[in-house]
PDB file of N, CA and C in Angstrom:
ATOM      1  N   MET A   1      17.354  -6.100 -19.147  1.00  0.00           N
ATOM      2  CA  MET A   1      16.449  -5.387 -18.303  1.00  0.00           C
ATOM      3  C   MET A   1      16.758  -4.812 -16.884  1.00  0.00           C
ATOM      4  N   MET A   2      16.270  -4.367 -16.768  1.00  0.00           N
ATOM      5  CA  MET A   2      16.300  -3.282 -15.433  1.00  0.00           C
ATOM      6  C   MET A   2      14.972  -4.162 -14.368  1.00  0.00           C
ATOM      7  N   SER A   3      15.072  -5.062 -13.636  1.00  0.00           N
ATOM      8  CA  SER A   3      14.414  -5.377 -12.606  1.00  0.00           C
ATOM      9  C   SER A   3      14.766  -5.329 -11.700  1.00  0.00           C
ATOM     10  N   SER A   4      15.799  -4.462 -11.326  1.00  0.00           N
ATOM     11  CA  SER A   4      16.477  -4.127  -9.957  1.00  0.00           C
ATOM     12  C   SER A   4      16.039  -3.431  -8.784  1.00  0.00           C
ATOM     13  N   ASN A   5      14.994  -2.605  -9.187  1.00  0.00           N
ATOM     14  CA  ASN A   5      14.140  -1.710  -8.407  1.00  0.00           C
ATOM     15  C   ASN A   5      12.933  -2.241  -8.437  1.00  0.00           C
ATOM     16  N   ASN A   6      12.107  -3.563  -9.253  1.00  0.00           N
ATOM     17  CA  ASN A   6      11.214  -4.593  -9.219  1.00  0.00           C
ATOM     18  C   ASN A   6      10.935  -5.293  -9.360  1.00  0.00           C
ATOM     19  N   VAL A   7      11.361  -5.850  -7.252  1.00  0.00           N
ATOM     20  CA  VAL A   7      12.100  -6.845  -6.732  1.00  0.00           C
ATOM     21  C   VAL A   7      10.499  -7.476  -5.652  1.00  0.00           C
ATOM     22  N   LYS A   8      10.004  -5.974  -5.380  1.00  0.00           N
ATOM     23  CA  LYS A   8       8.607  -6.206  -4.735  1.00  0.00           C
ATOM     24  C   LYS A   8       7.602  -7.532  -5.138  1.00  0.00           C
ATOM     25  N   ALA A   9       7.397  -8.443  -4.374  1.00  0.00           N
ATOM     26  CA  ALA A   9       7.610  -9.449  -4.088  1.00  0.00           C
ATOM     27  C   ALA A   9       5.453  -8.998  -3.533  1.00  0.00           C
ATOM     28  N   LEU A  10       4.696  -9.975  -4.227  1.00  0.00           N
ATOM     29  CA  LEU A  10       3.098  -9.563  -4.255  1.00  0.00           C
ATOM     30  C   LEU A  10       2.539 -10.698  -3.981  1.00  0.00           C
ATOM     31  N   PHE A  11       1.619 -10.070  -3.068  1.00  0.00           N
ATOM     32  CA  PHE A  11       0.646 -11.149  -2.432  1.00  0.00           C
ATOM     33  C   PHE A  11      -0.724 -10.825  -2.815  1.00  0.00           C
ATOM     34  N   ALA A  12      -1.550 -12.104  -2.370  1.00  0.00           N
ATOM     35  CA  ALA A  12      -2.521 -12.109  -2.605  1.00  0.00           C
ATOM     36  C   ALA A  12      -3.314 -11.502  -1.800  1.00  0.00           C
ATOM     37  N   CYS A  13      -4.384 -11.171  -2.115  1.00  0.00           N
ATOM     38  CA  CYS A  13      -5.047 -10.204  -1.279  1.00  0.00           C
ATOM     39  C   CYS A  13      -6.570 -11.627  -0.545  1.00  0.00           C
ATOM     40  N   SER A  14      -6.560 -11.855   0.771  1.00  0.00           N
ATOM     41  CA  SER A  14      -7.509 -13.151   1.069  1.00  0.00           C
ATOM     42  C   SER A  14      -8.509 -12.863   0.830  1.00  0.00           C
ATOM     43  N   ARG A  15      -9.647 -11.094   0.105  1.00  0.00           N
ATOM     44  CA  ARG A  15     -10.341 -11.109   0.044  1.00  0.00           C
ATOM     45  C   ARG A  15     -11.335 -10.435  -1.043  1.00  0.00           C
ATOM     46  N   CYS A  16      -9.902 -10.141  -2.520  1.00  0.00           N
ATOM     47  CA  CYS A  16     -10.440  -9.941  -3.709  1.00  0.00           C
ATOM     48  C   CYS A  16      -9.464 -11.376  -4.084  1.00  0.00           C
ATOM     49  N   PHE A  17      -8.729 -11.658  -3.787  1.00  0.00           N
ATOM     50  CA  PHE A  17      -7.521 -12.567  -4.222  1.00  0.00           C
ATOM     51  C   PHE A  17      -6.769 -12.346  -5.644  1.00  0.00           C
ATOM     52  N   SER A  18      -6.873 -10.574  -5.582  1.00  0.00           N
ATOM     53  CA  SER A  18      -5.749 -10.093  -6.898  1.00  0.00           C
ATOM     54  C   SER A  18      -4.891 -10.084  -6.127  1.00  0.00           C
ATOM     55  N   ARG A  19      -3.298  -9.907  -6.765  1.00  0.00           N
ATOM     56  CA  ARG A  19      -1.659  -9.795  -5.847  1.00  0.00           C
ATOM     57  C   ARG A  19      -2.273  -8.167  -6.418  1.00  0.00           C
ATOM     58  N   HIS A  20      -1.158  -7.613  -5.127  1.00  0.00           N
ATOM     59  CA  HIS A  20      -0.997  -6.110  -4.678  1.00  0.00           C
ATOM     60  C   HIS A  20       0.617  -6.830  -3.676  1.00  0.00           C
ATOM     61  N   PRO A  21       0.523  -4.990  -3.984  1.00  0.00           N
ATOM     62  CA  PRO A  21       2.597  -5.203  -3.666  1.00  0.00           C
ATOM     63  C   PRO A  21       1.843  -5.369  -1.788  1.00  0.00           C
ATOM     64  N   PHE A  22       3.558  -6.154  -0.814  1.00  0.00           N
ATOM     65  CA  PHE A  22       2.543  -5.945   0.661  1.00  0.00           C
ATOM     66  C   PHE A  22       3.066  -4.392   1.060  1.00  0.00           C
ATOM     67  N   GLU A  23       3.039  -3.195   0.495  1.00  0.00           N
ATOM     68  CA  GLU A  23       2.814  -2.293   1.287  1.00  0.00           C
ATOM     69  C   GLU A  23       1.139  -1.889   0.596  1.00  0.00           C
ATOM     70  N   GLU A  24       0.614  -1.947  -0.129  1.00  0.00           N
ATOM     71  CA  GLU A  24      -0.727  -2.429  -0.586  1.00  0.00           C
ATOM     72  C   GLU A  24      -1.863  -2.863  -0.278  1.00  0.00           C
ATOM     73  N   LEU A  25      -0.590  -3.696   1.153  1.00  0.00           N
ATOM     74  CA  LEU A  25      -1.661  -4.740   2.049  1.00  0.00           C
ATOM     75  C   LEU A  25      -2.091  -4.403   3.533  1.00  0.00           C
ATOM     76  N   SER A  26      -3.284  -4.606   3.867  1.00  0.00           N
ATOM     77  CA  SER A  26      -3.689  -4.095   5.862  1.00  0.00           C
ATOM     78  C   SER A  26      -1.839  -5.626   6.288  1.00  0.00           C
ATOM     79  N   PRO A  27      -2.289  -4.486   7.443  1.00  0.00           N
ATOM     80  CA  PRO A  27      -0.678  -5.191   8.189  1.00  0.00           C
ATOM     81  C   PRO A  27      -1.779  -6.295   8.372  1.00  0.00           C
ATOM     82  N   GLY A  28      -1.342  -7.536   8.780  1.00  0.00           N
ATOM     83  CA  GLY A  28      -1.983  -8.696   9.187  1.00  0.00           C
ATOM     84  C   GLY A  28      -3.127  -8.728   9.091  1.00  0.00           C
ATOM     85  N   GLN A  29      -3.885  -8.630   7.783  1.00  0.00           N
ATOM     86  CA  GLN A  29      -5.201  -8.676   7.285  1.00  0.00           C
ATOM     87  C   GLN A  29      -4.811  -9.279   5.437  1.00  0.00           C
ATOM     88  N   GLN A  30      -3.768  -8.974   5.397  1.00  0.00           N
ATOM     89  CA  GLN A  30      -3.240  -9.338   3.630  1.00  0.00           C
ATOM     90  C   GLN A  30      -5.010  -9.081   2.677  1.00  0.00           C
ATOM     91  N   LEU A  31      -5.149  -7.494   3.401  1.00  0.00           N
ATOM     92  CA  LEU A  31      -6.673  -7.520   2.818  1.00  0.00           C
ATOM     93  C   LEU A  31      -5.852  -6.233   2.194  1.00  0.00           C
ATOM     94  N   CYS A  32      -6.445  -5.553  -0.010  1.00  0.00           N
ATOM     95  CA  CYS A  32      -5.889  -4.549   0.006  1.00  0.00           C
ATOM     96  C   CYS A  32      -6.710  -3.279   0.147  1.00  0.00           C
ATOM     97  N   LYS A  33      -6.193  -2.143   0.670  1.00  0.00           N
ATOM     98  CA  LYS A  33      -6.798  -0.884   0.330  1.00  0.00           C
ATOM     99  C   LYS A  33      -8.170  -0.847  -0.701  1.00  0.00           C
TER     100      LYS A  33
END
């Protein structure tokens, strides 16, 4: 299993409650783009 480069944690969006990588969330707001 090659999961070495798939270690990004998913964070729940405060608005839509779906999960996104941290890079896709607005800094400090936890909102997906």
